[in-house]
Protein backbone atom coordinates (compact mmCIF):
# COMPACT_ATOMS: atom_id res chain seq x y z
CA UNK A 1 0.00 0.00 0.00
CA UNK A 2 2.83 2.42 0.90
CA UNK A 3 4.67 1.50 -2.34
CA UNK A 4 1.56 2.23 -4.42
CA UNK A 5 1.06 5.57 -2.66
CA UNK A 6 4.68 6.57 -3.30
CA UNK A 7 4.39 5.58 -6.98
CA UNK A 8 1.24 7.70 -7.35
CA UNK A 9 2.95 10.58 -5.56
CA UNK A 10 6.01 10.29 -7.82
CA UNK A 11 4.21 10.17 -11.16
CA UNK A 12 1.88 13.05 -10.27
CA UNK A 13 4.69 15.53 -9.51
CA UNK A 14 7.70 17.21 -11.01
CA UNK A 15 10.31 14.43 -11.00
CA UNK A 16 13.36 16.59 -10.27
CA UNK A 17 11.55 18.35 -7.40
CA UNK A 18 10.50 14.97 -6.03
CA UNK A 19 14.04 13.55 -6.06
CA UNK A 20 15.49 16.71 -4.54
CA UNK A 21 12.90 16.53 -1.76
CA UNK A 22 13.74 12.88 -1.17
CA UNK A 23 17.43 13.81 -0.93
CA UNK A 24 16.64 16.54 1.61
CA UNK A 25 14.69 14.09 3.79
CA UNK A 26 17.43 11.46 3.41
CA UNK A 27 20.09 13.95 4.53
CA UNK A 28 17.94 15.20 7.43
CA UNK A 29 17.70 11.64 8.73
CA UNK A 30 21.46 11.64 9.29
CA UNK A 31 21.12 14.71 11.48
CA UNK A 32 20.22 12.25 14.26
CA UNK A 33 23.88 11.17 14.27
CA UNK A 34 25.22 14.67 14.98
CA UNK A 35 26.60 15.31 18.47
CA UNK A 36 24.67 17.08 21.23
CA UNK A 37 26.54 20.30 21.93
CA UNK A 38 26.23 22.08 25.27
CA UNK A 39 23.24 24.44 25.33
CA UNK A 40 19.44 24.19 25.47
CA UNK A 41 19.50 20.93 23.53
CA UNK A 42 21.73 19.24 26.11
CA UNK A 43 19.62 20.74 28.91
CA UNK A 44 16.41 19.21 27.51
CA UNK A 45 18.18 15.90 26.86
CA UNK A 46 19.37 15.88 30.48
CA UNK A 47 15.90 16.64 31.88
CA UNK A 48 14.38 13.90 29.69
CA UNK A 49 16.97 11.44 30.95
CA UNK A 50 16.09 12.36 34.55
CA UNK A 51 12.40 11.79 33.78
CA UNK A 52 13.21 8.36 32.38
CA UNK A 53 15.37 7.37 35.35
CA UNK A 54 12.82 8.57 37.92
CA UNK A 55 10.16 6.11 36.62
CA UNK A 56 7.38 8.72 36.54
CA UNK A 57 5.83 10.96 33.91
CA UNK A 58 5.40 14.25 35.73
CA UNK A 59 8.49 15.28 37.76
CA UNK A 60 10.64 17.50 35.57
CA UNK A 61 13.85 18.19 37.44
CA UNK A 62 17.33 19.51 36.75
CA UNK A 63 20.44 17.48 37.49
CA UNK A 64 20.69 19.17 40.90
CA UNK A 65 17.24 17.79 41.69
CA UNK A 66 15.68 21.24 41.47
CA UNK A 67 12.19 21.67 39.95
CA UNK A 68 12.01 22.56 36.27
CA UNK A 69 9.25 25.04 35.57
CA UNK A 70 10.15 26.74 32.31
CA UNK A 71 8.35 24.68 29.62
CA UNK A 72 5.47 22.18 29.71
CA UNK A 73 5.77 18.43 29.45
CA UNK A 74 4.95 17.39 25.88
CA UNK A 75 8.50 17.34 24.37
CA UNK A 76 9.76 15.50 27.45
CA UNK A 77 6.95 12.95 27.20
CA UNK A 78 7.90 12.36 23.57
CA UNK A 79 11.53 11.78 24.59
CA UNK A 80 10.41 9.51 27.43
CA UNK A 81 8.46 7.35 24.98
CA UNK A 82 11.39 7.16 22.53
CA UNK A 83 13.85 6.33 25.33
CA UNK A 84 11.63 3.40 26.28
CA UNK A 85 11.74 2.19 22.66
CA UNK A 86 15.37 2.92 21.77
CA UNK A 87 17.20 3.42 25.06
CA UNK A 88 19.03 6.58 26.13
CA UNK A 89 21.49 7.86 23.55
CA UNK A 90 22.15 10.98 21.52
CA UNK A 91 20.67 9.17 18.50
CA UNK A 92 17.38 8.39 20.26
CA UNK A 93 17.21 11.96 21.53
CA UNK A 94 17.77 13.47 18.08
CA UNK A 95 15.39 10.96 16.47
CA UNK A 96 12.36 12.79 17.86
CA UNK A 97 13.51 15.94 16.04
CA UNK A 98 13.56 14.02 12.76
CA UNK A 99 10.09 12.53 13.43
CA UNK A 100 8.51 15.91 14.16
CA UNK A 101 10.31 17.42 11.21
CA UNK A 102 8.60 14.80 9.03
CA UNK A 103 5.24 15.55 10.70
CA UNK A 104 5.75 19.25 9.87
CA UNK A 105 6.52 18.39 6.25
CA UNK A 106 3.54 16.03 5.91
CA UNK A 107 1.03 18.52 7.29
CA UNK A 108 2.55 21.37 5.29
CA UNK A 109 1.92 19.30 2.16
CA UNK A 110 -1.61 18.35 3.21
CA UNK A 111 -2.51 21.92 4.15
CA UNK A 112 -1.04 23.35 0.95
CA UNK A 113 -2.91 20.82 -1.17
CA UNK A 114 -6.29 21.81 0.28
CA UNK A 115 -6.32 25.08 -1.66
CA UNK A 116 -3.68 24.48 -4.35
CA UNK A 117 -2.61 21.85 -6.85
CA UNK A 118 -0.23 19.07 -5.82
CA UNK A 119 2.82 20.64 -7.51
CA UNK A 120 2.50 23.78 -5.35
CA UNK A 121 2.15 21.52 -2.30
CA UNK A 122 5.29 19.61 -3.29
CA UNK A 123 7.24 22.83 -3.86
CA UNK A 124 6.05 24.04 -0.43
CA UNK A 125 7.61 21.10 1.37
CA UNK A 126 10.75 21.32 -0.78
CA UNK A 127 11.13 24.91 0.43
CA UNK A 128 10.57 24.20 4.13
CA UNK A 129 12.71 21.04 4.22
CA UNK A 130 15.72 22.80 2.68
CA UNK A 131 15.46 26.07 4.63
CA UNK A 132 18.35 26.49 7.05
CA UNK A 133 16.66 27.00 10.40
CA UNK A 134 14.16 24.19 9.82
CA UNK A 135 17.12 21.82 9.58
CA UNK A 136 18.74 23.53 12.57
CA UNK A 137 15.56 22.91 14.60
CA UNK A 138 15.92 19.19 13.92
CA UNK A 139 19.64 19.14 14.74
CA UNK A 140 19.62 21.43 17.76
CA UNK A 141 16.25 20.04 18.85
CA UNK A 142 14.59 22.77 20.80
CA UNK A 143 10.86 22.93 21.46
CA UNK A 144 10.14 24.80 18.21
CA UNK A 145 10.16 21.73 15.95
CA UNK A 146 7.50 20.10 18.16
CA UNK A 147 5.41 23.26 18.26
CA UNK A 148 5.67 23.83 14.50
CA UNK A 149 4.46 20.30 13.74
CA UNK A 150 1.52 20.54 16.14
CA UNK A 151 0.52 24.05 15.06
CA UNK A 152 0.44 23.36 11.30
CA UNK A 153 -1.52 20.15 12.01
CA UNK A 154 -4.14 22.06 14.03
CA UNK A 155 -4.53 24.65 11.24
CA UNK A 156 -4.82 21.90 8.63
CA UNK A 157 -7.80 20.32 10.40
CA UNK A 158 -9.50 23.71 10.76
CA UNK A 159 -9.17 24.27 7.02
CA UNK A 160 -10.13 20.70 6.18
CA UNK A 161 -13.32 21.03 8.23
CA UNK A 162 -14.45 23.93 6.01
CA UNK A 163 -14.34 21.65 2.98
CA UNK A 164 -15.46 18.45 4.66
CA UNK A 165 -17.62 19.16 7.70
CA UNK A 166 -16.63 16.29 9.95
CA UNK A 167 -16.55 16.46 13.74
CA UNK A 168 -13.35 14.40 13.77
CA UNK A 169 -11.56 17.41 12.29
CA UNK A 170 -12.68 19.50 15.26
CA UNK A 171 -11.33 16.92 17.70
CA UNK A 172 -8.00 16.62 15.86
CA UNK A 173 -7.60 20.39 15.68
CA UNK A 174 -8.29 20.71 19.42
CA UNK A 175 -5.83 17.91 20.14
CA UNK A 176 -2.97 19.37 18.10
CA UNK A 177 -3.36 22.93 19.38
CA UNK A 178 -3.38 21.46 22.89
CA UNK A 179 -0.13 19.62 22.15
CA UNK A 180 1.34 22.88 20.84
CA UNK A 181 0.28 24.49 24.14
CA UNK A 182 1.88 21.61 26.04
CA UNK A 183 5.12 22.42 24.22
CA UNK A 184 5.57 26.14 24.81
CA UNK A 185 2.57 27.34 26.80
CA UNK A 186 -0.93 28.64 26.09
CA UNK A 187 0.25 31.77 24.27
CA UNK A 188 0.28 29.74 21.05
CA UNK A 189 -3.44 29.11 21.60
CA UNK A 190 -4.00 32.85 21.81
CA UNK A 191 -2.27 33.26 18.43
CA UNK A 192 -4.30 30.38 16.96
CA UNK A 193 -7.69 31.83 17.92
CA UNK A 194 -6.68 35.38 17.06
CA UNK A 195 -5.81 34.34 13.49
CA UNK A 196 -9.12 32.50 13.12
CA UNK A 197 -10.98 35.53 14.48
CA UNK A 198 -9.36 37.77 11.87
CA UNK A 199 -10.41 35.35 9.14
CA UNK A 200 -14.02 35.32 10.40
CA UNK A 201 -14.20 39.11 10.65
CA UNK A 202 -12.40 40.15 7.48
CA UNK A 203 -12.08 37.22 5.05
CA UNK A 204 -14.84 34.64 5.11
CA UNK A 205 -17.32 36.33 7.48
CA UNK A 206 -18.82 32.92 8.18
CA UNK A 207 -20.62 32.74 11.53
CA UNK A 208 -20.57 28.95 11.37
CA UNK A 209 -16.80 29.11 11.87
CA UNK A 210 -17.39 30.67 15.29
CA UNK A 211 -19.27 27.56 16.44
CA UNK A 212 -16.45 25.37 15.13
CA UNK A 213 -13.86 27.44 16.99
CA UNK A 214 -15.88 27.12 20.22
CA UNK A 215 -15.89 23.33 19.82
CA UNK A 216 -12.15 23.35 19.11
CA UNK A 217 -11.59 25.40 22.25
CA UNK A 218 -13.51 22.82 24.31
CA UNK A 219 -11.29 19.98 23.09
CA UNK A 220 -8.25 22.22 23.47
CA UNK A 221 -9.01 22.55 27.20
CA UNK A 222 -9.86 18.86 27.47
CA UNK A 223 -6.48 17.77 26.10
CA UNK A 224 -4.68 20.17 28.45
CA UNK A 225 -5.78 18.07 31.46
CA UNK A 226 -2.68 15.78 31.42
CA UNK A 227 -0.46 18.85 31.83
CA UNK A 228 -2.52 20.20 34.73
CA UNK A 229 -2.39 16.80 36.43
CA UNK A 230 1.38 16.54 35.96
CA UNK A 231 1.93 20.06 37.35
CA UNK A 232 -0.42 19.39 40.25
CA UNK A 233 1.33 16.12 41.16
CA UNK A 234 4.72 17.83 41.19
CA UNK A 235 3.91 21.28 42.60
CA UNK A 236 0.38 21.26 43.98
CA UNK A 237 -0.65 24.78 44.93
CA UNK A 238 2.65 25.68 46.54
CA UNK A 239 4.58 28.82 45.64
CA UNK A 240 7.71 28.48 43.52
CA UNK A 241 10.70 30.79 43.43
CA UNK A 242 12.05 31.01 39.87
CA UNK A 243 14.93 33.37 39.12
CA UNK A 244 13.94 35.52 42.08
CA UNK A 245 10.24 35.76 41.16
CA UNK A 246 7.49 34.14 43.20
CA UNK A 247 4.94 32.13 41.19
CA UNK A 248 1.84 31.50 43.25
CA UNK A 249 0.92 28.13 41.69
CA UNK A 250 1.14 26.20 38.47
CA UNK A 251 -2.02 27.84 37.05
CA UNK A 252 -0.34 31.20 37.50
CA UNK A 253 2.70 29.92 35.64
CA UNK A 254 0.91 28.00 32.90
CA UNK A 255 -1.59 30.70 31.94
CA UNK A 256 0.36 33.89 32.66
CA UNK A 257 4.06 33.83 33.56
CA UNK A 258 5.30 31.17 31.13
CA UNK A 259 4.37 32.87 27.84
CA UNK A 260 2.63 36.19 28.50
CA UNK A 261 5.43 36.95 30.95
CA UNK A 262 7.92 36.51 28.13
CA UNK A 263 5.87 38.55 25.66
CA UNK A 264 5.74 41.53 28.04
CA UNK A 265 9.18 40.69 29.45
CA UNK A 266 7.94 40.72 33.04
CA UNK A 267 8.13 36.98 33.76
CA UNK A 268 10.75 34.94 35.63
CA UNK A 269 13.11 34.99 32.61
CA UNK A 270 13.84 38.44 31.18
CA UNK A 271 15.63 39.76 28.12
CA UNK A 272 17.60 42.99 27.87
CA UNK A 273 17.47 42.98 24.07
CA UNK A 274 14.65 44.18 21.81
CA UNK A 275 14.72 45.15 18.14
CA UNK A 276 11.58 45.64 16.04
CA UNK A 277 13.55 44.70 12.91
CA UNK A 278 15.16 41.58 14.39
CA UNK A 279 13.00 39.02 12.61
CA UNK A 280 13.47 40.73 9.24
CA UNK A 281 17.21 40.10 9.25
CA UNK A 282 16.75 36.80 11.09
CA UNK A 283 14.56 35.59 8.24
CA UNK A 284 17.35 36.31 5.73
CA UNK A 285 19.65 33.65 7.16
CA UNK A 286 17.06 31.43 8.87
CA UNK A 287 15.01 30.94 5.68
CA UNK A 288 18.09 30.69 3.45
CA UNK A 289 18.29 29.97 0.49
CA UNK A 290 14.64 30.89 -0.14
CA UNK A 291 14.62 34.14 1.82
CA UNK A 292 15.83 36.29 -1.07
CA UNK A 293 13.04 35.04 -3.33
CA UNK A 294 10.56 35.54 -0.51
CA UNK A 295 11.49 39.19 0.03
CA UNK A 296 11.74 39.74 -3.73
CA UNK A 297 8.14 38.54 -4.25
CA UNK A 298 6.66 39.76 -0.94
CA UNK A 299 4.51 42.47 -2.54
CA UNK A 300 2.86 39.98 -4.87
CA UNK A 301 2.37 37.50 -2.01
CA UNK A 302 0.54 40.10 0.10
CA UNK A 303 -1.89 40.89 -2.73
CA UNK A 304 -3.72 37.63 -2.07
CA UNK A 305 -4.56 37.65 1.63
CA UNK A 306 -5.97 34.36 2.93
CA UNK A 307 -5.80 32.42 6.19
CA UNK A 308 -2.29 31.20 5.39
CA UNK A 309 -0.97 34.75 4.89
CA UNK A 310 -2.86 35.98 7.97
CA UNK A 311 -1.19 33.34 10.14
CA UNK A 312 2.43 34.04 9.23
CA UNK A 313 1.87 37.80 9.13
CA UNK A 314 0.20 37.89 12.57
CA UNK A 315 2.86 35.64 14.13
CA UNK A 316 5.65 37.69 12.54
CA UNK A 317 4.20 40.95 13.91
CA UNK A 318 3.66 39.45 17.39
CA UNK A 319 7.25 38.19 17.47
CA UNK A 320 8.53 41.58 16.32
CA UNK A 321 6.71 43.59 18.99
CA UNK A 322 7.42 41.05 21.74
CA UNK A 323 9.88 42.23 24.38
CA UNK A 324 11.47 38.76 24.50
CA UNK A 325 13.03 37.74 21.18
CA UNK A 326 14.96 34.63 20.20
CA UNK A 327 15.86 33.71 16.63
CA UNK A 328 14.57 30.13 16.78
CA UNK A 329 10.99 31.32 17.39
CA UNK A 330 10.79 32.19 13.67
CA UNK A 331 10.54 28.50 12.64
CA UNK A 332 6.85 28.50 13.56
CA UNK A 333 5.96 30.50 10.44
CA UNK A 334 8.02 28.39 8.01
CA UNK A 335 5.18 26.08 6.86
CA UNK A 336 3.02 29.09 6.05
CA UNK A 337 5.60 31.28 4.30
CA UNK A 338 6.74 28.18 2.36
CA UNK A 339 3.20 27.74 1.03
CA UNK A 340 2.88 31.45 0.20
CA UNK A 341 6.21 31.45 -1.61
CA UNK A 342 5.45 28.21 -3.49
CA UNK A 343 2.11 29.65 -4.65
CA UNK A 344 3.85 32.77 -5.92
CA UNK A 345 6.74 30.88 -7.56
CA UNK A 346 4.26 28.73 -9.44
CA UNK A 347 3.47 31.88 -11.43
CA UNK A 348 7.13 32.92 -11.64
CA UNK A 349 8.53 32.85 -15.21
CA UNK A 350 12.11 31.68 -15.34
CA UNK A 351 14.56 33.57 -17.55
CA UNK A 352 18.22 33.29 -18.38
CA UNK A 353 19.10 36.34 -16.28
CA UNK A 354 17.58 34.79 -13.14
CA UNK A 355 19.47 31.57 -13.80
CA UNK A 356 22.80 33.40 -14.17
CA UNK A 357 22.23 35.45 -11.00
CA UNK A 358 21.46 32.31 -9.00
CA UNK A 359 24.40 30.31 -10.39
CA UNK A 360 27.06 32.95 -9.78
CA UNK A 361 25.61 33.73 -6.35
CA UNK A 362 25.84 30.00 -5.56
CA UNK A 363 29.48 29.88 -6.65
CA UNK A 364 30.21 32.90 -4.44
CA UNK A 365 28.57 31.22 -1.41
CA UNK A 366 30.42 27.96 -2.05
CA UNK A 367 33.77 29.79 -2.33
CA UNK A 368 33.10 31.70 0.91
CA UNK A 369 32.31 28.45 2.75
CA UNK A 370 35.48 26.84 1.39
CA UNK A 371 37.55 29.83 2.49
CA UNK A 372 35.99 29.50 5.94
CA UNK A 373 36.96 25.84 6.31
CA UNK A 374 40.45 26.53 4.99
CA UNK A 375 40.72 29.33 7.54
CA UNK A 376 39.74 27.14 10.49
CA UNK A 377 41.94 24.28 9.15
CA UNK A 378 39.28 21.60 9.24
CA UNK A 379 37.82 19.28 6.55
CA UNK A 380 39.37 21.32 3.71
CA UNK A 381 39.92 18.48 1.20
CA UNK A 382 36.59 16.68 1.75
CA UNK A 383 34.71 19.96 1.62
CA UNK A 384 36.50 21.11 -1.55
CA UNK A 385 35.68 17.85 -3.38
CA UNK A 386 32.00 18.10 -2.46
CA UNK A 387 32.00 21.75 -3.57
CA UNK A 388 33.43 20.93 -7.02
CA UNK A 389 30.78 18.26 -7.55
CA UNK A 390 28.07 20.69 -6.42
CA UNK A 391 29.17 23.46 -8.81
CA UNK A 392 28.99 21.03 -11.75
CA UNK A 393 25.60 19.69 -10.62
CA UNK A 394 24.12 23.18 -10.21
CA UNK A 395 25.37 24.14 -13.67
CA UNK A 396 23.55 21.28 -15.38
CA UNK A 397 20.38 21.68 -13.32
CA UNK A 398 20.23 25.43 -13.89
CA UNK A 399 21.18 25.79 -17.55
CA UNK A 400 20.74 22.39 -19.22
CA UNK A 401 17.62 21.10 -17.50
CA UNK A 402 16.05 24.47 -16.58
CA UNK A 403 15.35 23.25 -13.02
CA UNK A 404 16.04 26.35 -10.94
CA UNK A 405 14.01 25.43 -7.86
CA UNK A 406 15.65 22.01 -7.33
CA UNK A 407 19.01 23.77 -7.81
CA UNK A 408 18.13 26.31 -5.09
CA UNK A 409 17.03 23.46 -2.81
CA UNK A 410 20.31 21.59 -3.38
CA UNK A 411 22.22 24.75 -2.43
CA UNK A 412 20.12 24.78 0.77
CA UNK A 413 20.99 21.14 1.47
CA UNK A 414 24.68 21.89 0.93
CA UNK A 415 24.51 24.85 3.31
CA UNK A 416 22.84 22.69 5.98
CA UNK A 417 25.42 19.92 5.55
CA UNK A 418 28.24 22.47 5.79
CA UNK A 419 27.01 23.67 9.18
CA UNK A 420 25.42 20.58 10.72
CA UNK A 421 27.97 17.94 9.72
CA UNK A 422 31.22 19.76 9.13
CA UNK A 423 31.03 22.74 11.50
CA UNK A 424 29.07 21.04 14.32
CA UNK A 425 31.53 18.14 14.32
CA UNK A 426 34.34 20.67 14.41
CA UNK A 427 32.72 22.34 17.45
CA UNK A 428 32.09 19.00 19.19
CA UNK A 429 35.84 18.35 18.95
CA UNK A 430 36.29 21.17 21.49
CA UNK A 431 33.50 20.09 23.85
CA UNK A 432 35.32 18.41 26.72
CA UNK A 433 32.03 17.25 28.29
CA UNK A 434 31.58 14.69 25.51
CA UNK A 435 35.20 13.54 25.67
CA UNK A 436 35.24 13.19 29.47
CA UNK A 437 31.91 11.34 29.53
CA UNK A 438 33.17 8.88 26.90
CA UNK A 439 36.44 8.45 28.80
CA UNK A 440 34.58 7.72 32.04
CA UNK A 441 32.18 5.30 30.33
CA UNK A 442 35.02 3.45 28.61
CA UNK A 443 37.05 3.04 31.82
CA UNK A 444 33.96 2.57 34.03
CA UNK A 445 35.19 5.11 36.57
CA UNK A 446 33.03 5.78 39.61
CA UNK A 447 31.92 7.59 41.64
CA UNK A 448 32.15 10.85 39.68
CA UNK A 449 31.81 14.44 40.85
CA UNK A 450 31.51 17.51 38.66
CA UNK A 451 32.12 21.07 39.81
CA UNK A 452 32.36 24.57 38.27
CA UNK A 453 31.27 23.25 34.85
CA UNK A 454 28.02 23.46 32.89
CA UNK A 455 27.16 19.77 33.20
CA UNK A 456 24.11 18.99 31.03
CA UNK A 457 25.74 17.30 28.02
CA UNK A 458 28.07 15.48 30.44
CA UNK A 459 25.11 14.24 32.49
CA UNK A 460 23.35 12.99 29.38
CA UNK A 461 26.39 11.18 27.97
CA UNK A 462 27.77 9.52 31.10
CA UNK A 463 26.52 6.13 32.32
CA UNK A 464 28.01 6.31 35.80
CA UNK A 465 26.66 7.72 39.05
CA UNK A 466 27.56 11.39 39.27
CA UNK A 467 27.43 13.81 42.20
CA UNK A 468 26.21 17.21 41.02
CA UNK A 469 26.35 19.83 43.71
CA UNK A 470 27.29 23.49 43.84
CA UNK A 471 28.97 22.82 47.19
CA UNK A 472 32.47 21.43 46.59
CA UNK A 473 32.82 20.11 50.15
CA UNK A 474 29.63 18.05 49.74
CA UNK A 475 31.05 16.43 46.61
CA UNK A 476 34.41 15.65 48.18
CA UNK A 477 32.69 14.12 51.21
CA UNK A 478 32.15 11.09 48.93
CA UNK A 479 35.88 10.53 48.37
CA UNK A 480 37.66 8.62 47.05
CA UNK A 481 36.08 10.18 44.00
CA UNK A 482 36.86 11.21 40.44
CA UNK A 483 36.32 14.94 40.00
CA UNK A 484 35.77 16.63 36.62
CA UNK A 485 36.51 20.34 37.02
CA UNK A 486 38.42 23.39 35.79
CA UNK A 487 42.16 23.97 36.23
CA UNK A 488 41.47 26.87 38.62
CA UNK A 489 39.66 24.51 41.02
CA UNK A 490 42.47 21.97 40.56
CA UNK A 491 45.06 24.55 41.66
CA UNK A 492 42.80 25.66 44.51
CA UNK A 493 42.64 22.08 45.83
CA UNK A 494 46.40 21.71 45.48
CA UNK A 495 46.95 24.88 47.49
CA UNK A 496 44.76 23.51 50.29
CA UNK A 497 47.19 20.57 50.71
CA UNK A 498 44.27 18.74 52.25
CA UNK A 499 43.73 15.95 49.72
CA UNK A 500 45.76 13.35 47.91
CA UNK A 501 45.14 14.42 44.28
CA UNK A 502 46.11 12.64 41.08
CA UNK A 503 45.52 14.21 37.66
CA UNK A 504 44.10 11.52 35.34
CA UNK A 505 43.67 13.49 32.11
CA UNK A 506 43.57 17.08 30.83
CA UNK A 507 41.07 18.15 28.16
CA UNK A 508 40.76 21.17 25.89
CA UNK A 509 37.40 22.95 25.98
CA UNK A 510 35.60 25.82 24.30
CA UNK A 511 32.02 26.97 24.88
CA UNK A 512 30.12 26.68 21.58
CA UNK A 513 27.91 29.66 22.50
CA UNK A 514 30.95 31.97 22.61
CA UNK A 515 32.35 31.58 19.10
CA UNK A 516 34.80 34.35 18.24
CA UNK A 517 37.35 35.12 15.53
CA UNK A 518 40.10 34.28 18.01
CA UNK A 519 38.71 30.79 18.37
CA UNK A 520 38.14 30.28 14.64
CA UNK A 521 41.67 31.42 13.80
CA UNK A 522 44.07 28.48 14.44
CA UNK A 523 46.88 30.94 15.24
CA UNK A 524 44.99 32.55 18.14
CA UNK A 525 42.81 29.62 19.20
CA UNK A 526 45.07 28.64 22.10
CA UNK A 527 44.39 32.06 23.70
CA UNK A 528 40.71 31.22 24.29
CA UNK A 529 40.84 27.45 24.79
CA UNK A 530 40.09 26.43 28.38
CA UNK A 531 41.68 23.51 30.19
CA UNK A 532 39.63 21.04 32.17
CA UNK A 533 40.89 18.16 34.24
CA UNK A 534 39.72 14.80 35.48
CA UNK A 535 41.14 14.22 38.96
CA UNK A 536 41.24 11.30 41.35
CA UNK A 537 40.92 12.54 44.94
CA UNK A 538 41.49 10.48 48.08
């Protein structure tokens, strides 16, 4: 049955677009084998591991056993389910990103096909699957890839219900918008209903839609119950102190502080940065290589305002005026701007000038990337060989076969591979947490203590019992113990002359979030590289 469906799908679409899309999905599957670098991704992986090891479904805690009250449970429940199927590993953690990336692609196609022909739908998913930050969301695996998949699914069932009035569509829409709310908070529900309200008032003016939205809202609340139960089991109605702010109870957090607090920048986590134009320039690199075409055709796109345009326009404006801005939020609009762009490009007449501009721009980008890898002295030969093959391939696709859109998509795939495979692996080479965890696992060292180091990726990778505590004396009370720490703490312990200390191994380390020209330049890299040590203390 699946084979027959794929054959039908293949023969009904542009063949070169189909194969390029298949290549993009094939490449994105291998993103699951990329390392987990220290940051939010390692934090979420660590919390998910703690949930798995605690044998319950509701207690989200940090490695120091403190309560986690920043994001709801859904992404962690997904990881918990996958861990039970595949065990705990970086591959199983990244696999959920790939799965929800596929869900986003599937529902983007289904939603696009409701109001367009199948070739526009196919081009839509080619655009989203080869855009840079969509791939980054799978690799880095933050909550946005989960939210994007659930949000586009909820919109699809709203739109499907207009064409095929079936109560199942209402239930599915309520379910998926609830799962989106269980990913980042109820603010996404506010955006969902606001977009539908605009459509009712200014586009369709169909009062029947209001009744449908009321039914969706009922199921939305119904499917939020698991989150309320989980929060109640962990926190009850007790007050929580988060970053110096008192949250009265989990209802206060879930409905107000979590998302509205970020929007107005008065919640537990604050930002000191705000720029109304941020998401304009973010979209240039995040939606690369399609962003230039998008901005080039934006006037034409806005001439045909429908629900799809309303959604990405409203979300973009809300993000821009929000007092709390992060670049990865932008991924939420990718399904919708991909459909808008695909619809516009379907009317776009290719000419030789456009082909030449694209080809020479592609060569320029490829040369710049090669210069970058030569500069950092990493993967130069392998990268150069791939680049030569790509330049030849783009030439034939662009000029001989007149397939500009697959050529743009292939440039997008190349850009993703450059960053996610070559550069991320380069960065992981300088992440001592991964090296130390592997060293400890291989030699089965225990017990382990860690101090003065951001420990999330280490906690996720290591298989041994580890003492995490901000009090050094409490850790050393468990001696003899292996201690993973910085050289400054090592020298501090030596100066105490209180312990018998043996240095097992020294590791180079650099924080991936602090990339600088000094680090990228091999001649000055040693100036910013930190030293970390694994000690044995008796």
